[in-house]
PDB file of N, CA and C in Angstrom:
ATOM      1  N   MET A   1     -70.840 -54.456  19.943  1.00  0.00           N
ATOM      2  CA  MET A   1     -69.821 -53.621  19.325  1.00  0.00           C
ATOM      3  C   MET A   1     -69.871 -52.255  20.012  1.00  0.00           C
ATOM      4  N   VAL A   2     -68.702 -51.734  20.331  1.00  0.00           N
ATOM      5  CA  VAL A   2     -68.634 -50.416  20.952  1.00  0.00           C
ATOM      6  C   VAL A   2     -68.393 -49.365  19.884  1.00  0.00           C
ATOM      7  N   LYS A   3     -68.592 -48.118  20.261  1.00  0.00           N
ATOM      8  CA  LYS A   3     -68.512 -47.030  19.290  1.00  0.00           C
ATOM      9  C   LYS A   3     -67.158 -46.994  18.571  1.00  0.00           C
ATOM     10  N   GLY A   4     -66.068 -47.182  19.296  1.00  0.00           N
ATOM     11  CA  GLY A   4     -64.743 -47.154  18.669  1.00  0.00           C
ATOM     12  C   GLY A   4     -64.591 -48.213  17.602  1.00  0.00           C
ATOM     13  N   GLN A   5     -65.123 -49.410  17.854  1.00  0.00           N
ATOM     14  CA  GLN A   5     -65.046 -50.471  16.854  1.00  0.00           C
ATOM     15  C   GLN A   5     -65.891 -50.125  15.640  1.00  0.00           C
ATOM     16  N   ALA A   6     -67.053 -49.569  15.885  1.00  0.00           N
ATOM     17  CA  ALA A   6     -67.939 -49.241  14.772  1.00  0.00           C
ATOM     18  C   ALA A   6     -67.300 -48.196  13.867  1.00  0.00           C
ATOM     19  N   VAL A   7     -66.664 -47.217  14.449  1.00  0.00           N
ATOM     20  CA  VAL A   7     -66.040 -46.162  13.659  1.00  0.00           C
ATOM     21  C   VAL A   7     -64.800 -46.693  12.944  1.00  0.00           C
ATOM     22  N   ALA A   8     -63.966 -47.445  13.647  1.00  0.00           N
ATOM     23  CA  ALA A   8     -62.720 -47.935  13.066  1.00  0.00           C
ATOM     24  C   ALA A   8     -62.952 -49.112  12.131  1.00  0.00           C
ATOM     25  N   GLY A   9     -63.964 -49.892  12.404  1.00  0.00           N
ATOM     26  CA  GLY A   9     -64.214 -51.065  11.588  1.00  0.00           C
ATOM     27  C   GLY A   9     -63.371 -52.260  11.976  1.00  0.00           C
ATOM     28  N   VAL A  10     -62.495 -52.121  12.963  1.00  0.00           N
ATOM     29  CA  VAL A  10     -61.658 -53.220  13.446  1.00  0.00           C
ATOM     30  C   VAL A  10     -61.605 -53.161  14.967  1.00  0.00           C
ATOM     31  N   ALA A  11     -61.308 -54.288  15.560  1.00  0.00           N
ATOM     32  CA  ALA A  11     -61.118 -54.339  17.014  1.00  0.00           C
ATOM     33  C   ALA A  11     -59.623 -54.200  17.288  1.00  0.00           C
ATOM     34  N   LEU A  12     -59.222 -53.064  17.829  1.00  0.00           N
ATOM     35  CA  LEU A  12     -57.811 -52.835  18.123  1.00  0.00           C
ATOM     36  C   LEU A  12     -57.394 -53.634  19.349  1.00  0.00           C
ATOM     37  N   PRO A  13     -56.151 -54.094  19.390  1.00  0.00           N
ATOM     38  CA  PRO A  13     -55.692 -54.834  20.563  1.00  0.00           C
ATOM     39  C   PRO A  13     -55.586 -53.913  21.771  1.00  0.00           C
ATOM     40  N   SER A  14     -55.701 -54.506  22.944  1.00  0.00           N
ATOM     41  CA  SER A  14     -55.564 -53.738  24.185  1.00  0.00           C
ATOM     42  C   SER A  14     -54.107 -53.363  24.402  1.00  0.00           C
ATOM     43  N   LEU A  15     -53.911 -52.219  25.040  1.00  0.00           N
ATOM     44  CA  LEU A  15     -52.566 -51.796  25.400  1.00  0.00           C
ATOM     45  C   LEU A  15     -52.081 -52.689  26.536  1.00  0.00           C
ATOM     46  N   PRO A  16     -50.889 -53.277  26.429  1.00  0.00           N
ATOM     47  CA  PRO A  16     -50.381 -54.109  27.522  1.00  0.00           C
ATOM     48  C   PRO A  16     -50.305 -53.316  28.831  1.00  0.00           C
ATOM     49  N   ASP A  17     -50.677 -53.954  29.936  1.00  0.00           N
ATOM     50  CA  ASP A  17     -50.704 -53.285  31.242  1.00  0.00           C
ATOM     51  C   ASP A  17     -49.360 -52.667  31.604  1.00  0.00           C
ATOM     52  N   ASP A  18     -48.275 -53.336  31.254  1.00  0.00           N
ATOM     53  CA  ASP A  18     -46.941 -52.838  31.576  1.00  0.00           C
ATOM     54  C   ASP A  18     -46.714 -51.438  31.006  1.00  0.00           C
ATOM     55  N   LEU A  19     -47.327 -51.142  29.875  1.00  0.00           N
ATOM     56  CA  LEU A  19     -47.085 -49.859  29.223  1.00  0.00           C
ATOM     57  C   LEU A  19     -47.829 -48.713  29.894  1.00  0.00           C
ATOM     58  N   ARG A  20     -48.742 -49.010  30.798  1.00  0.00           N
ATOM     59  CA  ARG A  20     -49.475 -47.976  31.538  1.00  0.00           C
ATOM     60  C   ARG A  20     -48.794 -47.613  32.862  1.00  0.00           C
ATOM     61  N   ARG A  21     -47.842 -48.402  33.279  1.00  0.00           N
ATOM     62  CA  ARG A  21     -47.229 -48.229  34.591  1.00  0.00           C
ATOM     63  C   ARG A  21     -46.290 -47.025  34.622  1.00  0.00           C
ATOM     64  N   GLN A  22     -46.305 -46.308  35.727  1.00  0.00           N
ATOM     65  CA  GLN A  22     -45.388 -45.192  35.960  1.00  0.00           C
ATOM     66  C   GLN A  22     -44.202 -45.704  36.771  1.00  0.00           C
ATOM     67  N   GLU A  23     -43.035 -45.192  36.492  1.00  0.00           N
ATOM     68  CA  GLU A  23     -41.821 -45.593  37.214  1.00  0.00           C
ATOM     69  C   GLU A  23     -41.589 -44.632  38.370  1.00  0.00           C
ATOM     70  N   ALA A  24     -41.434 -45.177  39.564  1.00  0.00           N
ATOM     71  CA  ALA A  24     -41.189 -44.353  40.755  1.00  0.00           C
ATOM     72  C   ALA A  24     -39.722 -43.939  40.819  1.00  0.00           C
ATOM     73  N   HIS A  25     -39.464 -42.821  41.500  1.00  0.00           N
ATOM     74  CA  HIS A  25     -38.085 -42.409  41.732  1.00  0.00           C
ATOM     75  C   HIS A  25     -37.440 -43.369  42.723  1.00  0.00           C
ATOM     76  N   ALA A  26     -36.138 -43.453  42.678  1.00  0.00           N
ATOM     77  CA  ALA A  26     -35.406 -44.279  43.634  1.00  0.00           C
ATOM     78  C   ALA A  26     -35.535 -43.660  45.024  1.00  0.00           C
ATOM     79  N   PRO A  27     -35.681 -44.490  46.045  1.00  0.00           N
ATOM     80  CA  PRO A  27     -35.797 -43.935  47.395  1.00  0.00           C
ATOM     81  C   PRO A  27     -34.476 -43.307  47.850  1.00  0.00           C
ATOM     82  N   VAL A  28     -34.595 -42.254  48.618  1.00  0.00           N
ATOM     83  CA  VAL A  28     -33.420 -41.593  49.188  1.00  0.00           C
ATOM     84  C   VAL A  28     -33.339 -42.017  50.648  1.00  0.00           C
ATOM     85  N   VAL A  29     -32.225 -42.649  50.997  1.00  0.00           N
ATOM     86  CA  VAL A  29     -32.019 -43.119  52.363  1.00  0.00           C
ATOM     87  C   VAL A  29     -30.971 -42.220  53.010  1.00  0.00           C
ATOM     88  N   GLU A  30     -31.339 -41.649  54.143  1.00  0.00           N
ATOM     89  CA  GLU A  30     -30.429 -40.739  54.838  1.00  0.00           C
ATOM     90  C   GLU A  30     -29.123 -41.448  55.173  1.00  0.00           C
ATOM     91  N   GLY A  31     -28.024 -40.788  54.866  1.00  0.00           N
ATOM     92  CA  GLY A  31     -26.704 -41.337  55.164  1.00  0.00           C
ATOM     93  C   GLY A  31     -26.134 -42.209  54.056  1.00  0.00           C
ATOM     94  N   GLU A  32     -26.933 -42.521  53.063  1.00  0.00           N
ATOM     95  CA  GLU A  32     -26.462 -43.361  51.959  1.00  0.00           C
ATOM     96  C   GLU A  32     -25.646 -42.508  50.986  1.00  0.00           C
ATOM     97  N   PRO A  33     -24.598 -43.080  50.406  1.00  0.00           N
ATOM     98  CA  PRO A  33     -23.808 -42.312  49.437  1.00  0.00           C
ATOM     99  C   PRO A  33     -24.672 -41.862  48.250  1.00  0.00           C
ATOM    100  N   VAL A  34     -24.431 -40.649  47.814  1.00  0.00           N
ATOM    101  CA  VAL A  34     -25.196 -40.087  46.703  1.00  0.00           C
ATOM    102  C   VAL A  34     -25.038 -40.944  45.451  1.00  0.00           C
ATOM    103  N   ILE A  35     -23.864 -41.515  45.245  1.00  0.00           N
ATOM    104  CA  ILE A  35     -23.628 -42.322  44.042  1.00  0.00           C
ATOM    105  C   ILE A  35     -24.553 -43.546  44.006  1.00  0.00           C
ATOM    106  N   ALA A  36     -24.874 -44.114  45.160  1.00  0.00           N
ATOM    107  CA  ALA A  36     -25.781 -45.266  45.209  1.00  0.00           C
ATOM    108  C   ALA A  36     -27.197 -44.842  44.827  1.00  0.00           C
ATOM    109  N   ILE A  37     -27.619 -43.682  45.297  1.00  0.00           N
ATOM    110  CA  ILE A  37     -28.945 -43.160  44.949  1.00  0.00           C
ATOM    111  C   ILE A  37     -28.998 -42.869  43.457  1.00  0.00           C
ATOM    112  N   LEU A  38     -27.945 -42.253  42.944  1.00  0.00           N
ATOM    113  CA  LEU A  38     -27.880 -41.946  41.515  1.00  0.00           C
ATOM    114  C   LEU A  38     -27.928 -43.226  40.677  1.00  0.00           C
ATOM    115  N   ALA A  39     -27.238 -44.257  41.109  1.00  0.00           N
ATOM    116  CA  ALA A  39     -27.242 -45.526  40.370  1.00  0.00           C
ATOM    117  C   ALA A  39     -28.653 -46.109  40.305  1.00  0.00           C
ATOM    118  N   ARG A  40     -29.380 -46.072  41.419  1.00  0.00           N
ATOM    119  CA  ARG A  40     -30.761 -46.588  41.417  1.00  0.00           C
ATOM    120  C   ARG A  40     -31.665 -45.725  40.548  1.00  0.00           C
ATOM    121  N   GLU A  41     -31.445 -44.420  40.573  1.00  0.00           N
ATOM    122  CA  GLU A  41     -32.253 -43.518  39.741  1.00  0.00           C
ATOM    123  C   GLU A  41     -31.993 -43.801  38.261  1.00  0.00           C
ATOM    124  N   ARG A  42     -30.745 -44.068  37.910  1.00  0.00           N
ATOM    125  CA  ARG A  42     -30.420 -44.414  36.518  1.00  0.00           C
ATOM    126  C   ARG A  42     -31.095 -45.727  36.110  1.00  0.00           C
ATOM    127  N   GLN A  43     -31.141 -46.693  37.012  1.00  0.00           N
ATOM    128  CA  GLN A  43     -31.828 -47.956  36.713  1.00  0.00           C
ATOM    129  C   GLN A  43     -33.312 -47.710  36.467  1.00  0.00           C
ATOM    130  N   ALA A  44     -33.917 -46.843  37.273  1.00  0.00           N
ATOM    131  CA  ALA A  44     -35.334 -46.512  37.083  1.00  0.00           C
ATOM    132  C   ALA A  44     -35.542 -45.826  35.736  1.00  0.00           C
ATOM    133  N   LEU A  45     -34.635 -44.939  35.368  1.00  0.00           N
ATOM    134  CA  LEU A  45     -34.734 -44.267  34.073  1.00  0.00           C
ATOM    135  C   LEU A  45     -34.584 -45.266  32.929  1.00  0.00           C
ATOM    136  N   ASP A  46     -33.673 -46.214  33.069  1.00  0.00           N
ATOM    137  CA  ASP A  46     -33.511 -47.253  32.043  1.00  0.00           C
ATOM    138  C   ASP A  46     -34.798 -48.057  31.876  1.00  0.00           C
ATOM    139  N   ARG A  47     -35.452 -48.399  32.990  1.00  0.00           N
ATOM    140  CA  ARG A  47     -36.720 -49.146  32.903  1.00  0.00           C
ATOM    141  C   ARG A  47     -37.791 -48.313  32.211  1.00  0.00           C
ATOM    142  N   ALA A  48     -37.862 -47.022  32.557  1.00  0.00           N
ATOM    143  CA  ALA A  48     -38.862 -46.144  31.939  1.00  0.00           C
ATOM    144  C   ALA A  48     -38.598 -45.987  30.443  1.00  0.00           C
ATOM    145  N   ASN A  49     -37.345 -45.839  30.061  1.00  0.00           N
ATOM    146  CA  ASN A  49     -37.015 -45.708  28.641  1.00  0.00           C
ATOM    147  C   ASN A  49     -37.323 -46.989  27.875  1.00  0.00           C
ATOM    148  N   ALA A  50     -37.066 -48.138  28.478  1.00  0.00           N
ATOM    149  CA  ALA A  50     -37.389 -49.409  27.828  1.00  0.00           C
ATOM    150  C   ALA A  50     -38.901 -49.535  27.641  1.00  0.00           C
ATOM    151  N   ARG A  51     -39.663 -49.115  28.648  1.00  0.00           N
ATOM    152  CA  ARG A  51     -41.126 -49.167  28.545  1.00  0.00           C
ATOM    153  C   ARG A  51     -41.610 -48.236  27.441  1.00  0.00           C
ATOM    154  N   GLN A  52     -41.021 -47.056  27.332  1.00  0.00           N
ATOM    155  CA  GLN A  52     -41.404 -46.137  26.260  1.00  0.00           C
ATOM    156  C   GLN A  52     -41.104 -46.764  24.903  1.00  0.00           C
ATOM    157  N   GLY A  53     -39.974 -47.437  24.784  1.00  0.00           N
ATOM    158  CA  GLY A  53     -39.640 -48.112  23.531  1.00  0.00           C
ATOM    159  C   GLY A  53     -40.658 -49.181  23.173  1.00  0.00           C
ATOM    160  N   ARG A  54     -41.124 -49.938  24.171  1.00  0.00           N
ATOM    161  CA  ARG A  54     -42.157 -50.958  23.919  1.00  0.00           C
ATOM    162  C   ARG A  54     -43.475 -50.308  23.521  1.00  0.00           C
ATOM    163  N   THR A  55     -43.780 -49.144  24.105  1.00  0.00           N
ATOM    164  CA  THR A  55     -45.003 -48.425  23.737  1.00  0.00           C
ATOM    165  C   THR A  55     -44.945 -47.977  22.287  1.00  0.00           C
ATOM    166  N   VAL A  56     -43.826 -47.423  21.879  1.00  0.00           N
ATOM    167  CA  VAL A  56     -43.662 -46.978  20.492  1.00  0.00           C
ATOM    168  C   VAL A  56     -43.774 -48.166  19.545  1.00  0.00           C
ATOM    169  N   GLN A  57     -43.150 -49.287  19.893  1.00  0.00           N
ATOM    170  CA  GLN A  57     -43.221 -50.477  19.042  1.00  0.00           C
ATOM    171  C   GLN A  57     -44.659 -50.978  18.936  1.00  0.00           C
ATOM    172  N   PHE A  58     -45.384 -50.975  20.052  1.00  0.00           N
ATOM    173  CA  PHE A  58     -46.782 -51.400  20.054  1.00  0.00           C
ATOM    174  C   PHE A  58     -47.595 -50.512  19.112  1.00  0.00           C
ATOM    175  N   TYR A  59     -47.404 -49.200  19.226  1.00  0.00           N
ATOM    176  CA  TYR A  59     -48.139 -48.262  18.372  1.00  0.00           C
ATOM    177  C   TYR A  59     -47.761 -48.451  16.905  1.00  0.00           C
ATOM    178  N   ASP A  60     -46.476 -48.592  16.635  1.00  0.00           N
ATOM    179  CA  ASP A  60     -46.033 -48.795  15.254  1.00  0.00           C
ATOM    180  C   ASP A  60     -46.628 -50.069  14.662  1.00  0.00           C
ATOM    181  N   ASP A  61     -46.697 -51.133  15.460  1.00  0.00           N
ATOM    182  CA  ASP A  61     -47.302 -52.387  14.986  1.00  0.00           C
ATOM    183  C   ASP A  61     -48.770 -52.178  14.625  1.00  0.00           C
ATOM    184  N   ILE A  62     -49.487 -51.431  15.461  1.00  0.00           N
ATOM    185  CA  ILE A  62     -50.910 -51.180  15.189  1.00  0.00           C
ATOM    186  C   ILE A  62     -51.075 -50.351  13.925  1.00  0.00           C
ATOM    187  N   THR A  63     -50.292 -49.288  13.795  1.00  0.00           N
ATOM    188  CA  THR A  63     -50.460 -48.445  12.606  1.00  0.00           C
ATOM    189  C   THR A  63     -50.067 -49.191  11.341  1.00  0.00           C
ATOM    190  N   THR A  64     -49.101 -50.080  11.434  1.00  0.00           N
ATOM    191  CA  THR A  64     -48.717 -50.876  10.265  1.00  0.00           C
ATOM    192  C   THR A  64     -49.857 -51.801   9.849  1.00  0.00           C
ATOM    193  N   ARG A  65     -50.519 -52.402  10.836  1.00  0.00           N
ATOM    194  CA  ARG A  65     -51.597 -53.353  10.542  1.00  0.00           C
ATOM    195  C   ARG A  65     -52.906 -52.695  10.136  1.00  0.00           C
ATOM    196  N   TYR A  66     -53.244 -51.575  10.768  1.00  0.00           N
ATOM    197  CA  TYR A  66     -54.601 -51.046  10.631  1.00  0.00           C
ATOM    198  C   TYR A  66     -54.708 -49.691   9.943  1.00  0.00           C
ATOM    199  N   ALA A  67     -53.614 -49.017   9.710  1.00  0.00           N
ATOM    200  CA  ALA A  67     -53.694 -47.673   9.127  1.00  0.00           C
ATOM    201  C   ALA A  67     -54.142 -47.737   7.673  1.00  0.00           C
ATOM    202  N   LEU A  68     -54.892 -46.730   7.284  1.00  0.00           N
ATOM    203  CA  LEU A  68     -55.294 -46.614   5.888  1.00  0.00           C
ATOM    204  C   LEU A  68     -54.090 -46.179   5.068  1.00  0.00           C
ATOM    205  N   PRO A  69     -54.031 -46.589   3.820  1.00  0.00           N
ATOM    206  CA  PRO A  69     -52.915 -46.141   2.977  1.00  0.00           C
ATOM    207  C   PRO A  69     -52.925 -44.622   2.857  1.00  0.00           C
ATOM    208  N   LYS A  70     -51.749 -44.035   2.834  1.00  0.00           N
ATOM    209  CA  LYS A  70     -51.643 -42.577   2.699  1.00  0.00           C
ATOM    210  C   LYS A  70     -51.971 -42.190   1.270  1.00  0.00           C
ATOM    211  N   ARG A  71     -52.741 -41.127   1.164  1.00  0.00           N
ATOM    212  CA  ARG A  71     -53.097 -40.627  -0.169  1.00  0.00           C
ATOM    213  C   ARG A  71     -51.993 -39.724  -0.676  1.00  0.00           C
ATOM    214  N   THR A  72     -51.740 -39.794  -1.947  1.00  0.00           N
ATOM    215  CA  THR A  72     -50.788 -38.872  -2.562  1.00  0.00           C
ATOM    216  C   THR A  72     -51.566 -37.916  -3.436  1.00  0.00           C
ATOM    217  N   ASN A  73     -51.192 -36.679  -3.403  1.00  0.00           N
ATOM    218  CA  ASN A  73     -51.902 -35.665  -4.197  1.00  0.00           C
ATOM    219  C   ASN A  73     -51.216 -35.439  -5.511  1.00  0.00           C
TER     220      ASN A  73
END
């Protein structure tokens, strides 16, 4: 058992590898129309936003399963 498990009392799932990946900018090719570069950059942004959404869902799933009930005062 590792320290994190001992403190938490549960074994948390590993973060999927895809959620750790960084999205590269679209390559700029000399002489290529700017609109084509912009289109590729937008596709990269869409991939990054989708990955962020999966990260949030992963975190929400963990907190739903393992979070302690909130205390009310």
